[in-house]
Amino acid sequence: MSHVILVVDDEPLIRMDAAQIFRDEGYRVLEAADATQAMEFLERHNDIKLLFTDVDMPGLMNGLQLAEEARRRWPPIGLVVVSGRCDITAETLPAGAVFLAKPYLSEVALQITEQLTA
């Protein structure tokens, strides 16, 4: 599997754990600590198939805003928005995005990822 996943989370251990879930399944993974760094990756890498982002992050935009911008600028990218602190409804997500509540099971994250990158 050569799909590229961009994992965005300001908590280094959580980001590393999420990235490892995908690496263990053969995905190539890029890691960003905030939306600004994630946007730089998205602008430089045209092979990113999925954005896996936390909602609550410091900086100019949160993960939900990042997902909205990614949907606007790179419509084919799969979007997974995760959070342990707030409930996200389908109405607040960008079109086609999936919400995953923390803590999530790695099997569930992988199943969603496989569906969005197929």
PDB file of N, CA and C in Angstrom:
ATOM      1  N   MET A   1       0.847  -1.174   0.000  1.00  0.00           N
ATOM      2  CA  MET A   1       0.000   0.000   0.000  1.00  0.00           C
ATOM      3  C   MET A   1       0.889   1.232   0.000  1.00  0.00           C
ATOM      4  N   SER A   2       0.729   2.100  -0.968  1.00  0.00           N
ATOM      5  CA  SER A   2       1.616   3.258  -1.054  1.00  0.00           C
ATOM      6  C   SER A   2       0.889   4.570  -0.805  1.00  0.00           C
ATOM      7  N   HIS A   3      -0.338   4.504  -0.308  1.00  0.00           N
ATOM      8  CA  HIS A   3      -1.063   5.742  -0.038  1.00  0.00           C
ATOM      9  C   HIS A   3      -0.347   6.541   1.053  1.00  0.00           C
ATOM     10  N   VAL A   4      -0.401   7.868   0.916  1.00  0.00           N
ATOM     11  CA  VAL A   4       0.219   8.752   1.895  1.00  0.00           C
ATOM     12  C   VAL A   4      -0.869   9.341   2.780  1.00  0.00           C
ATOM     13  N   ILE A   5      -0.643   9.273   4.098  1.00  0.00           N
ATOM     14  CA  ILE A   5      -1.562   9.830   5.091  1.00  0.00           C
ATOM     15  C   ILE A   5      -0.828  10.925   5.851  1.00  0.00           C
ATOM     16  N   LEU A   6      -1.503  12.058   6.012  1.00  0.00           N
ATOM     17  CA  LEU A   6      -0.974  13.161   6.809  1.00  0.00           C
ATOM     18  C   LEU A   6      -1.692  13.152   8.146  1.00  0.00           C
ATOM     19  N   VAL A   7      -0.934  12.894   9.219  1.00  0.00           N
ATOM     20  CA  VAL A   7      -1.471  12.867  10.579  1.00  0.00           C
ATOM     21  C   VAL A   7      -1.112  14.184  11.255  1.00  0.00           C
ATOM     22  N   VAL A   8      -2.141  14.877  11.769  1.00  0.00           N
ATOM     23  CA  VAL A   8      -1.936  16.184  12.386  1.00  0.00           C
ATOM     24  C   VAL A   8      -2.474  16.160  13.817  1.00  0.00           C
ATOM     25  N   ASP A   9      -1.588  16.391  14.773  1.00  0.00           N
ATOM     26  CA  ASP A   9      -1.969  16.464  16.183  1.00  0.00           C
ATOM     27  C   ASP A   9      -0.867  17.199  16.924  1.00  0.00           C
ATOM     28  N   ASP A  10      -1.234  18.103  17.801  1.00  0.00           N
ATOM     29  CA  ASP A  10      -0.230  18.880  18.527  1.00  0.00           C
ATOM     30  C   ASP A  10       0.385  18.100  19.686  1.00  0.00           C
ATOM     31  N   GLU A  11      -0.233  16.980  20.065  1.00  0.00           N
ATOM     32  CA  GLU A  11       0.317  16.134  21.127  1.00  0.00           C
ATOM     33  C   GLU A  11       1.253  15.108  20.489  1.00  0.00           C
ATOM     34  N   PRO A  12       2.570  15.223  20.713  1.00  0.00           N
ATOM     35  CA  PRO A  12       3.525  14.359  20.018  1.00  0.00           C
ATOM     36  C   PRO A  12       3.277  12.860  20.191  1.00  0.00           C
ATOM     37  N   LEU A  13       2.963  12.413  21.396  1.00  0.00           N
ATOM     38  CA  LEU A  13       2.767  10.977  21.613  1.00  0.00           C
ATOM     39  C   LEU A  13       1.512  10.467  20.910  1.00  0.00           C
ATOM     40  N   ILE A  14       0.456  11.246  20.941  1.00  0.00           N
ATOM     41  CA  ILE A  14      -0.778  10.848  20.249  1.00  0.00           C
ATOM     42  C   ILE A  14      -0.539  10.824  18.748  1.00  0.00           C
ATOM     43  N   ARG A  15       0.158  11.831  18.234  1.00  0.00           N
ATOM     44  CA  ARG A  15       0.481  11.888  16.802  1.00  0.00           C
ATOM     45  C   ARG A  15       1.334  10.685  16.396  1.00  0.00           C
ATOM     46  N   MET A  16       2.343  10.372  17.208  1.00  0.00           N
ATOM     47  CA  MET A  16       3.222   9.243  16.900  1.00  0.00           C
ATOM     48  C   MET A  16       2.458   7.925  16.938  1.00  0.00           C
ATOM     49  N   ASP A  17       1.563   7.770  17.903  1.00  0.00           N
ATOM     50  CA  ASP A  17       0.765   6.545  17.987  1.00  0.00           C
ATOM     51  C   ASP A  17      -0.134   6.391  16.763  1.00  0.00           C
ATOM     52  N   ALA A  18      -0.812   7.460  16.380  1.00  0.00           N
ATOM     53  CA  ALA A  18      -1.684   7.402  15.204  1.00  0.00           C
ATOM     54  C   ALA A  18      -0.866   7.091  13.956  1.00  0.00           C
ATOM     55  N   ALA A  19       0.268   7.756  13.810  1.00  0.00           N
ATOM     56  CA  ALA A  19       1.120   7.511  12.640  1.00  0.00           C
ATOM     57  C   ALA A  19       1.567   6.054  12.595  1.00  0.00           C
ATOM     58  N   GLN A  20       1.893   5.483  13.750  1.00  0.00           N
ATOM     59  CA  GLN A  20       2.366   4.094  13.776  1.00  0.00           C
ATOM     60  C   GLN A  20       1.270   3.112  13.377  1.00  0.00           C
ATOM     61  N   ILE A  21       0.030   3.403  13.756  1.00  0.00           N
ATOM     62  CA  ILE A  21      -1.091   2.550  13.338  1.00  0.00           C
ATOM     63  C   ILE A  21      -1.086   2.399  11.819  1.00  0.00           C
ATOM     64  N   PHE A  22      -0.916   3.527  11.122  1.00  0.00           N
ATOM     65  CA  PHE A  22      -0.958   3.510   9.657  1.00  0.00           C
ATOM     66  C   PHE A  22       0.318   2.916   9.060  1.00  0.00           C
ATOM     67  N   ARG A  23       1.461   3.233   9.661  1.00  0.00           N
ATOM     68  CA  ARG A  23       2.726   2.663   9.164  1.00  0.00           C
ATOM     69  C   ARG A  23       2.719   1.136   9.255  1.00  0.00           C
ATOM     70  N   ASP A  24       2.178   0.627  10.361  1.00  0.00           N
ATOM     71  CA  ASP A  24       2.123  -0.824  10.548  1.00  0.00           C
ATOM     72  C   ASP A  24       1.305  -1.521   9.465  1.00  0.00           C
ATOM     73  N   GLU A  25       0.399  -0.772   8.822  1.00  0.00           N
ATOM     74  CA  GLU A  25      -0.430  -1.324   7.751  1.00  0.00           C
ATOM     75  C   GLU A  25       0.137  -1.017   6.368  1.00  0.00           C
ATOM     76  N   GLY A  26       1.337  -0.422   6.324  1.00  0.00           N
ATOM     77  CA  GLY A  26       2.004  -0.193   5.049  1.00  0.00           C
ATOM     78  C   GLY A  26       1.776   1.169   4.427  1.00  0.00           C
ATOM     79  N   TYR A  27       1.067   2.045   5.109  1.00  0.00           N
ATOM     80  CA  TYR A  27       0.873   3.402   4.593  1.00  0.00           C
ATOM     81  C   TYR A  27       2.147   4.219   4.781  1.00  0.00           C
ATOM     82  N   ARG A  28       2.382   5.161   3.898  1.00  0.00           N
ATOM     83  CA  ARG A  28       3.428   6.164   4.105  1.00  0.00           C
ATOM     84  C   ARG A  28       2.775   7.287   4.901  1.00  0.00           C
ATOM     85  N   VAL A  29       3.466   7.774   5.920  1.00  0.00           N
ATOM     86  CA  VAL A  29       2.864   8.746   6.830  1.00  0.00           C
ATOM     87  C   VAL A  29       3.738   9.983   6.957  1.00  0.00           C
ATOM     88  N   LEU A  30       3.081  11.138   6.873  1.00  0.00           N
ATOM     89  CA  LEU A  30       3.699  12.421   7.186  1.00  0.00           C
ATOM     90  C   LEU A  30       3.069  12.893   8.487  1.00  0.00           C
ATOM     91  N   GLU A  31       3.848  13.572   9.323  1.00  0.00           N
ATOM     92  CA  GLU A  31       3.344  14.045  10.610  1.00  0.00           C
ATOM     93  C   GLU A  31       3.504  15.546  10.724  1.00  0.00           C
ATOM     94  N   ALA A  32       2.433  16.205  11.183  1.00  0.00           N
ATOM     95  CA  ALA A  32       2.456  17.647  11.402  1.00  0.00           C
ATOM     96  C   ALA A  32       1.941  17.954  12.801  1.00  0.00           C
ATOM     97  N   ALA A  33       2.545  18.969  13.427  1.00  0.00           N
ATOM     98  CA  ALA A  33       2.183  19.339  14.790  1.00  0.00           C
ATOM     99  C   ALA A  33       1.083  20.382  14.857  1.00  0.00           C
ATOM    100  N   ASP A  34       0.783  21.036  13.721  1.00  0.00           N
ATOM    101  CA  ASP A  34      -0.276  22.038  13.702  1.00  0.00           C
ATOM    102  C   ASP A  34      -0.759  22.239  12.268  1.00  0.00           C
ATOM    103  N   ALA A  35      -1.785  23.064  12.121  1.00  0.00           N
ATOM    104  CA  ALA A  35      -2.389  23.274  10.806  1.00  0.00           C
ATOM    105  C   ALA A  35      -1.441  23.978   9.840  1.00  0.00           C
ATOM    106  N   THR A  36      -0.615  24.871  10.339  1.00  0.00           N
ATOM    107  CA  THR A  36       0.334  25.573   9.472  1.00  0.00           C
ATOM    108  C   THR A  36       1.307  24.583   8.843  1.00  0.00           C
ATOM    109  N   GLN A  37       1.868  23.709   9.644  1.00  0.00           N
ATOM    110  CA  GLN A  37       2.778  22.686   9.130  1.00  0.00           C
ATOM    111  C   GLN A  37       2.034  21.736   8.193  1.00  0.00           C
ATOM    112  N   ALA A  38       0.805  21.390   8.528  1.00  0.00           N
ATOM    113  CA  ALA A  38       0.010  20.508   7.672  1.00  0.00           C
ATOM    114  C   ALA A  38      -0.237  21.147   6.311  1.00  0.00           C
ATOM    115  N   MET A  39      -0.554  22.432   6.281  1.00  0.00           N
ATOM    116  CA  MET A  39      -0.781  23.122   5.006  1.00  0.00           C
ATOM    117  C   MET A  39       0.479  23.104   4.153  1.00  0.00           C
ATOM    118  N   GLU A  40       1.635  23.253   4.788  1.00  0.00           N
ATOM    119  CA  GLU A  40       2.897  23.191   4.039  1.00  0.00           C
ATOM    120  C   GLU A  40       3.069  21.813   3.391  1.00  0.00           C
ATOM    121  N   PHE A  41       2.764  20.753   4.131  1.00  0.00           N
ATOM    122  CA  PHE A  41       2.832  19.400   3.563  1.00  0.00           C
ATOM    123  C   PHE A  41       1.851  19.254   2.404  1.00  0.00           C
ATOM    124  N   LEU A  42       0.620  19.718   2.594  1.00  0.00           N
ATOM    125  CA  LEU A  42      -0.400  19.588   1.552  1.00  0.00           C
ATOM    126  C   LEU A  42       0.004  20.341   0.285  1.00  0.00           C
ATOM    127  N   GLU A  43       0.631  21.472   0.453  1.00  0.00           N
ATOM    128  CA  GLU A  43       1.060  22.261  -0.709  1.00  0.00           C
ATOM    129  C   GLU A  43       2.245  21.624  -1.428  1.00  0.00           C
ATOM    130  N   ARG A  44       3.094  20.907  -0.711  1.00  0.00           N
ATOM    131  CA  ARG A  44       4.304  20.315  -1.303  1.00  0.00           C
ATOM    132  C   ARG A  44       4.125  18.887  -1.795  1.00  0.00           C
ATOM    133  N   HIS A  45       3.147  18.166  -1.265  1.00  0.00           N
ATOM    134  CA  HIS A  45       2.979  16.744  -1.588  1.00  0.00           C
ATOM    135  C   HIS A  45       1.633  16.522  -2.277  1.00  0.00           C
ATOM    136  N   ASN A  46       1.682  16.248  -3.561  1.00  0.00           N
ATOM    137  CA  ASN A  46       0.425  16.026  -4.275  1.00  0.00           C
ATOM    138  C   ASN A  46      -0.042  14.580  -4.194  1.00  0.00           C
ATOM    139  N   ASP A  47       0.640  13.755  -3.412  1.00  0.00           N
ATOM    140  CA  ASP A  47       0.271  12.343  -3.298  1.00  0.00           C
ATOM    141  C   ASP A  47      -0.430  12.011  -1.979  1.00  0.00           C
ATOM    142  N   ILE A  48      -0.792  13.012  -1.175  1.00  0.00           N
ATOM    143  CA  ILE A  48      -1.495  12.765   0.087  1.00  0.00           C
ATOM    144  C   ILE A  48      -2.926  12.341  -0.230  1.00  0.00           C
ATOM    145  N   LYS A  49      -3.304  11.174   0.262  1.00  0.00           N
ATOM    146  CA  LYS A  49      -4.640  10.628   0.012  1.00  0.00           C
ATOM    147  C   LYS A  49      -5.606  10.875   1.158  1.00  0.00           C
ATOM    148  N   LEU A  50      -5.052  11.090   2.386  1.00  0.00           N
ATOM    149  CA  LEU A  50      -5.922  11.222   3.548  1.00  0.00           C
ATOM    150  C   LEU A  50      -5.319  12.188   4.552  1.00  0.00           C
ATOM    151  N   LEU A  51      -6.156  13.067   5.074  1.00  0.00           N
ATOM    152  CA  LEU A  51      -5.793  13.964   6.168  1.00  0.00           C
ATOM    153  C   LEU A  51      -6.492  13.446   7.417  1.00  0.00           C
ATOM    154  N   PHE A  52      -5.716  13.112   8.434  1.00  0.00           N
ATOM    155  CA  PHE A  52      -6.203  12.578   9.706  1.00  0.00           C
ATOM    156  C   PHE A  52      -5.840  13.615  10.753  1.00  0.00           C
ATOM    157  N   THR A  53      -6.800  14.447  11.167  1.00  0.00           N
ATOM    158  CA  THR A  53      -6.467  15.596  11.999  1.00  0.00           C
ATOM    159  C   THR A  53      -7.282  15.696  13.273  1.00  0.00           C
ATOM    160  N   ASP A  54      -6.608  16.075  14.332  1.00  0.00           N
ATOM    161  CA  ASP A  54      -7.248  16.411  15.593  1.00  0.00           C
ATOM    162  C   ASP A  54      -7.923  17.769  15.428  1.00  0.00           C
ATOM    163  N   VAL A  55      -8.957  18.038  16.222  1.00  0.00           N
ATOM    164  CA  VAL A  55      -9.651  19.328  16.162  1.00  0.00           C
ATOM    165  C   VAL A  55      -8.908  20.389  16.965  1.00  0.00           C
ATOM    166  N   ASP A  56      -8.622  20.089  18.228  1.00  0.00           N
ATOM    167  CA  ASP A  56      -8.067  21.093  19.134  1.00  0.00           C
ATOM    168  C   ASP A  56      -6.555  21.203  18.975  1.00  0.00           C
ATOM    169  N   MET A  57      -6.139  22.308  18.327  1.00  0.00           N
ATOM    170  CA  MET A  57      -4.714  22.569  18.122  1.00  0.00           C
ATOM    171  C   MET A  57      -4.467  24.066  18.238  1.00  0.00           C
ATOM    172  N   PRO A  58      -3.283  24.436  18.689  1.00  0.00           N
ATOM    173  CA  PRO A  58      -2.948  25.857  18.736  1.00  0.00           C
ATOM    174  C   PRO A  58      -2.637  26.357  17.328  1.00  0.00           C
ATOM    175  N   GLY A  59      -2.628  27.662  17.188  1.00  0.00           N
ATOM    176  CA  GLY A  59      -2.241  28.228  15.903  1.00  0.00           C
ATOM    177  C   GLY A  59      -3.371  28.978  15.226  1.00  0.00           C
ATOM    178  N   LEU A  60      -3.166  29.254  13.950  1.00  0.00           N
ATOM    179  CA  LEU A  60      -4.097  30.079  13.193  1.00  0.00           C
ATOM    180  C   LEU A  60      -5.412  29.388  12.877  1.00  0.00           C
ATOM    181  N   MET A  61      -5.394  28.066  12.798  1.00  0.00           N
ATOM    182  CA  MET A  61      -6.638  27.344  12.544  1.00  0.00           C
ATOM    183  C   MET A  61      -6.641  26.019  13.285  1.00  0.00           C
ATOM    184  N   ASN A  62      -7.839  25.596  13.653  1.00  0.00           N
ATOM    185  CA  ASN A  62      -7.959  24.297  14.312  1.00  0.00           C
ATOM    186  C   ASN A  62      -8.095  23.200  13.253  1.00  0.00           C
ATOM    187  N   GLY A  63      -8.237  21.973  13.697  1.00  0.00           N
ATOM    188  CA  GLY A  63      -8.304  20.852  12.764  1.00  0.00           C
ATOM    189  C   GLY A  63      -9.539  20.844  11.892  1.00  0.00           C
ATOM    190  N   LEU A  64     -10.643  21.342  12.415  1.00  0.00           N
ATOM    191  CA  LEU A  64     -11.860  21.421  11.619  1.00  0.00           C
ATOM    192  C   LEU A  64     -11.696  22.440  10.493  1.00  0.00           C
ATOM    193  N   GLN A  65     -11.101  23.577  10.809  1.00  0.00           N
ATOM    194  CA  GLN A  65     -10.825  24.584   9.781  1.00  0.00           C
ATOM    195  C   GLN A  65      -9.816  24.061   8.764  1.00  0.00           C
ATOM    196  N   LEU A  66      -8.829  23.305   9.230  1.00  0.00           N
ATOM    197  CA  LEU A  66      -7.854  22.686   8.336  1.00  0.00           C
ATOM    198  C   LEU A  66      -8.548  21.733   7.373  1.00  0.00           C
ATOM    199  N   ALA A  67      -9.443  20.913   7.898  1.00  0.00           N
ATOM    200  CA  ALA A  67     -10.179  19.971   7.051  1.00  0.00           C
ATOM    201  C   ALA A  67     -11.024  20.714   6.023  1.00  0.00           C
ATOM    202  N   GLU A  68     -11.652  21.802   6.437  1.00  0.00           N
ATOM    203  CA  GLU A  68     -12.460  22.598   5.502  1.00  0.00           C
ATOM    204  C   GLU A  68     -11.588  23.177   4.392  1.00  0.00           C
ATOM    205  N   GLU A  69     -10.430  23.686   4.746  1.00  0.00           N
ATOM    206  CA  GLU A  69      -9.515  24.259   3.749  1.00  0.00           C
ATOM    207  C   GLU A  69      -8.984  23.168   2.815  1.00  0.00           C
ATOM    208  N   ALA A  70      -8.675  22.006   3.371  1.00  0.00           N
ATOM    209  CA  ALA A  70      -8.209  20.892   2.542  1.00  0.00           C
ATOM    210  C   ALA A  70      -9.302  20.462   1.569  1.00  0.00           C
ATOM    211  N   ARG A  71     -10.546  20.396   2.021  1.00  0.00           N
ATOM    212  CA  ARG A  71     -11.650  20.018   1.138  1.00  0.00           C
ATOM    213  C   ARG A  71     -11.793  21.046   0.003  1.00  0.00           C
ATOM    214  N   ARG A  72     -11.655  22.314   0.334  1.00  0.00           N
ATOM    215  CA  ARG A  72     -11.798  23.375  -0.662  1.00  0.00           C
ATOM    216  C   ARG A  72     -10.670  23.335  -1.691  1.00  0.00           C
ATOM    217  N   ARG A  73      -9.441  23.138  -1.227  1.00  0.00           N
ATOM    218  CA  ARG A  73      -8.276  23.225  -2.123  1.00  0.00           C
ATOM    219  C   ARG A  73      -7.883  21.903  -2.762  1.00  0.00           C
ATOM    220  N   TRP A  74      -8.129  20.794  -2.065  1.00  0.00           N
ATOM    221  CA  TRP A  74      -7.763  19.467  -2.566  1.00  0.00           C
ATOM    222  C   TRP A  74      -8.961  18.533  -2.384  1.00  0.00           C
ATOM    223  N   PRO A  75     -10.000  18.701  -3.177  1.00  0.00           N
ATOM    224  CA  PRO A  75     -11.257  17.960  -2.971  1.00  0.00           C
ATOM    225  C   PRO A  75     -11.142  16.442  -2.902  1.00  0.00           C
ATOM    226  N   PRO A  76     -10.217  15.796  -3.619  1.00  0.00           N
ATOM    227  CA  PRO A  76     -10.193  14.324  -3.563  1.00  0.00           C
ATOM    228  C   PRO A  76      -9.638  13.729  -2.261  1.00  0.00           C
ATOM    229  N   ILE A  77      -8.981  14.531  -1.431  1.00  0.00           N
ATOM    230  CA  ILE A  77      -8.358  13.997  -0.215  1.00  0.00           C
ATOM    231  C   ILE A  77      -9.424  13.520   0.769  1.00  0.00           C
ATOM    232  N   GLY A  78      -9.220  12.316   1.307  1.00  0.00           N
ATOM    233  CA  GLY A  78     -10.089  11.815   2.359  1.00  0.00           C
ATOM    234  C   GLY A  78      -9.835  12.588   3.649  1.00  0.00           C
ATOM    235  N   LEU A  79     -10.881  12.799   4.422  1.00  0.00           N
ATOM    236  CA  LEU A  79     -10.763  13.590   5.647  1.00  0.00           C
ATOM    237  C   LEU A  79     -11.303  12.820   6.844  1.00  0.00           C
ATOM    238  N   VAL A  80     -10.459  12.682   7.871  1.00  0.00           N
ATOM    239  CA  VAL A  80     -10.889  12.125   9.146  1.00  0.00           C
ATOM    240  C   VAL A  80     -10.571  13.165  10.210  1.00  0.00           C
ATOM    241  N   VAL A  81     -11.596  13.586  10.932  1.00  0.00           N
ATOM    242  CA  VAL A  81     -11.465  14.583  11.989  1.00  0.00           C
ATOM    243  C   VAL A  81     -11.669  13.873  13.319  1.00  0.00           C
ATOM    244  N   VAL A  82     -10.696  14.004  14.227  1.00  0.00           N
ATOM    245  CA  VAL A  82     -10.766  13.318  15.517  1.00  0.00           C
ATOM    246  C   VAL A  82     -10.750  14.328  16.657  1.00  0.00           C
ATOM    247  N   SER A  83     -11.438  13.970  17.739  1.00  0.00           N
ATOM    248  CA  SER A  83     -11.424  14.828  18.915  1.00  0.00           C
ATOM    249  C   SER A  83     -11.884  14.040  20.126  1.00  0.00           C
ATOM    250  N   GLY A  84     -11.313  14.380  21.264  1.00  0.00           N
ATOM    251  CA  GLY A  84     -11.736  13.792  22.528  1.00  0.00           C
ATOM    252  C   GLY A  84     -12.440  14.791  23.406  1.00  0.00           C
ATOM    253  N   ARG A  85     -12.536  16.021  22.950  1.00  0.00           N
ATOM    254  CA  ARG A  85     -13.081  17.079  23.798  1.00  0.00           C
ATOM    255  C   ARG A  85     -14.390  17.671  23.311  1.00  0.00           C
ATOM    256  N   CYS A  86     -14.715  17.469  22.075  1.00  0.00           N
ATOM    257  CA  CYS A  86     -15.937  18.097  21.580  1.00  0.00           C
ATOM    258  C   CYS A  86     -16.674  17.139  20.661  1.00  0.00           C
ATOM    259  N   ASP A  87     -17.968  17.307  20.644  1.00  0.00           N
ATOM    260  CA  ASP A  87     -18.782  16.506  19.746  1.00  0.00           C
ATOM    261  C   ASP A  87     -18.924  17.255  18.431  1.00  0.00           C
ATOM    262  N   ILE A  88     -18.621  16.573  17.379  1.00  0.00           N
ATOM    263  CA  ILE A  88     -18.730  17.144  16.044  1.00  0.00           C
ATOM    264  C   ILE A  88     -19.925  16.473  15.375  1.00  0.00           C
ATOM    265  N   THR A  89     -20.766  17.266  14.763  1.00  0.00           N
ATOM    266  CA  THR A  89     -21.912  16.710  14.046  1.00  0.00           C
ATOM    267  C   THR A  89     -21.607  16.686  12.562  1.00  0.00           C
ATOM    268  N   ALA A  90     -22.381  15.915  11.836  1.00  0.00           N
ATOM    269  CA  ALA A  90     -22.196  15.817  10.382  1.00  0.00           C
ATOM    270  C   ALA A  90     -22.339  17.188   9.727  1.00  0.00           C
ATOM    271  N   GLU A  91     -23.165  18.041  10.301  1.00  0.00           N
ATOM    272  CA  GLU A  91     -23.386  19.370   9.729  1.00  0.00           C
ATOM    273  C   GLU A  91     -22.157  20.271   9.846  1.00  0.00           C
ATOM    274  N   THR A  92     -21.310  20.019  10.830  1.00  0.00           N
ATOM    275  CA  THR A  92     -20.132  20.867  11.017  1.00  0.00           C
ATOM    276  C   THR A  92     -18.917  20.349  10.269  1.00  0.00           C
ATOM    277  N   LEU A  93     -19.010  19.138   9.727  1.00  0.00           N
ATOM    278  CA  LEU A  93     -17.886  18.556   8.984  1.00  0.00           C
ATOM    279  C   LEU A  93     -17.927  18.982   7.519  1.00  0.00           C
ATOM    280  N   PRO A  94     -16.754  19.072   6.899  1.00  0.00           N
ATOM    281  CA  PRO A  94     -16.742  19.285   5.452  1.00  0.00           C
ATOM    282  C   PRO A  94     -17.379  18.085   4.746  1.00  0.00           C
ATOM    283  N   ALA A  95     -17.858  18.300   3.549  1.00  0.00           N
ATOM    284  CA  ALA A  95     -18.497  17.229   2.775  1.00  0.00           C
ATOM    285  C   ALA A  95     -17.584  16.011   2.678  1.00  0.00           C
ATOM    286  N   GLY A  96     -18.138  14.849   2.976  1.00  0.00           N
ATOM    287  CA  GLY A  96     -17.400  13.603   2.841  1.00  0.00           C
ATOM    288  C   GLY A  96     -16.451  13.277   3.977  1.00  0.00           C
ATOM    289  N   ALA A  97     -16.329  14.163   4.955  1.00  0.00           N
ATOM    290  CA  ALA A  97     -15.425  13.917   6.083  1.00  0.00           C
ATOM    291  C   ALA A  97     -16.080  12.976   7.088  1.00  0.00           C
ATOM    292  N   VAL A  98     -15.241  12.289   7.852  1.00  0.00           N
ATOM    293  CA  VAL A  98     -15.699  11.355   8.882  1.00  0.00           C
ATOM    294  C   VAL A  98     -15.174  11.831  10.228  1.00  0.00           C
ATOM    295  N   PHE A  99     -16.035  11.802  11.251  1.00  0.00           N
ATOM    296  CA  PHE A  99     -15.616  12.140  12.610  1.00  0.00           C
ATOM    297  C   PHE A  99     -15.329  10.864  13.380  1.00  0.00           C
ATOM    298  N   LEU A 100     -14.229  10.889  14.147  1.00  0.00           N
ATOM    299  CA  LEU A 100     -13.833   9.762  14.970  1.00  0.00           C
ATOM    300  C   LEU A 100     -13.524  10.290  16.371  1.00  0.00           C
ATOM    301  N   ALA A 101     -14.278   9.817  17.367  1.00  0.00           N
ATOM    302  CA  ALA A 101     -14.086  10.281  18.746  1.00  0.00           C
ATOM    303  C   ALA A 101     -12.882   9.602  19.371  1.00  0.00           C
ATOM    304  N   LYS A 102     -12.083  10.396  20.099  1.00  0.00           N
ATOM    305  CA  LYS A 102     -10.975   9.853  20.884  1.00  0.00           C
ATOM    306  C   LYS A 102     -11.510   9.407  22.230  1.00  0.00           C
ATOM    307  N   PRO A 103     -10.999   8.357  22.796  1.00  0.00           N
ATOM    308  CA  PRO A 103     -10.013   7.462  22.215  1.00  0.00           C
ATOM    309  C   PRO A 103     -10.681   6.535  21.207  1.00  0.00           C
ATOM    310  N   TYR A 104      -9.983   6.254  20.145  1.00  0.00           N
ATOM    311  CA  TYR A 104     -10.543   5.399  19.108  1.00  0.00           C
ATOM    312  C   TYR A 104      -9.727   4.111  19.028  1.00  0.00           C
ATOM    313  N   LEU A 105     -10.363   3.083  18.538  1.00  0.00           N
ATOM    314  CA  LEU A 105      -9.680   1.809  18.325  1.00  0.00           C
ATOM    315  C   LEU A 105      -8.912   1.882  17.017  1.00  0.00           C
ATOM    316  N   SER A 106      -7.712   1.348  17.008  1.00  0.00           N
ATOM    317  CA  SER A 106      -6.908   1.380  15.791  1.00  0.00           C
ATOM    318  C   SER A 106      -7.627   0.673  14.646  1.00  0.00           C
ATOM    319  N   GLU A 107      -8.376  -0.386  14.954  1.00  0.00           N
ATOM    320  CA  GLU A 107      -9.111  -1.112  13.916  1.00  0.00           C
ATOM    321  C   GLU A 107     -10.142  -0.218  13.254  1.00  0.00           C
ATOM    322  N   VAL A 108     -10.804   0.630  14.028  1.00  0.00           N
ATOM    323  CA  VAL A 108     -11.812   1.540  13.480  1.00  0.00           C
ATOM    324  C   VAL A 108     -11.141   2.598  12.617  1.00  0.00           C
ATOM    325  N   ALA A 109     -10.035   3.160  13.096  1.00  0.00           N
ATOM    326  CA  ALA A 109      -9.306   4.157  12.308  1.00  0.00           C
ATOM    327  C   ALA A 109      -8.841   3.565  10.983  1.00  0.00           C
ATOM    328  N   LEU A 110      -8.369   2.336  11.012  1.00  0.00           N
ATOM    329  CA  LEU A 110      -7.913   1.677   9.788  1.00  0.00           C
ATOM    330  C   LEU A 110      -9.064   1.385   8.836  1.00  0.00           C
ATOM    331  N   GLN A 111     -10.188   0.952   9.363  1.00  0.00           N
ATOM    332  CA  GLN A 111     -11.347   0.654   8.522  1.00  0.00           C
ATOM    333  C   GLN A 111     -11.821   1.916   7.801  1.00  0.00           C
ATOM    334  N   ILE A 112     -11.909   3.023   8.523  1.00  0.00           N
ATOM    335  CA  ILE A 112     -12.320   4.291   7.913  1.00  0.00           C
ATOM    336  C   ILE A 112     -11.296   4.724   6.867  1.00  0.00           C
ATOM    337  N   THR A 113     -10.032   4.592   7.200  1.00  0.00           N
ATOM    338  CA  THR A 113      -8.969   4.974   6.278  1.00  0.00           C
ATOM    339  C   THR A 113      -9.034   4.162   4.992  1.00  0.00           C
ATOM    340  N   GLU A 114      -9.241   2.873   5.137  1.00  0.00           N
ATOM    341  CA  GLU A 114      -9.329   2.017   3.945  1.00  0.00           C
ATOM    342  C   GLU A 114     -10.503   2.421   3.068  1.00  0.00           C
ATOM    343  N   GLN A 115     -11.623   2.777   3.686  1.00  0.00           N
ATOM    344  CA  GLN A 115     -12.802   3.200   2.915  1.00  0.00           C
ATOM    345  C   GLN A 115     -12.532   4.511   2.169  1.00  0.00           C
ATOM    346  N   LEU A 116     -11.866   5.439   2.843  1.00  0.00           N
ATOM    347  CA  LEU A 116     -11.648   6.766   2.241  1.00  0.00           C
ATOM    348  C   LEU A 116     -10.504   6.798   1.224  1.00  0.00           C
ATOM    349  N   THR A 117      -9.633   5.811   1.261  1.00  0.00           N
ATOM    350  CA  THR A 117      -8.510   5.800   0.305  1.00  0.00           C
ATOM    351  C   THR A 117      -8.703   4.787  -0.814  1.00  0.00           C
ATOM    352  N   ALA A 118      -9.826   4.069  -0.784  1.00  0.00           N
ATOM    353  CA  ALA A 118     -10.074   3.037  -1.815  1.00  0.00           C
ATOM    354  C   ALA A 118     -10.280   3.663  -3.203  1.00  0.00           C
TER     355      ALA A 118
END
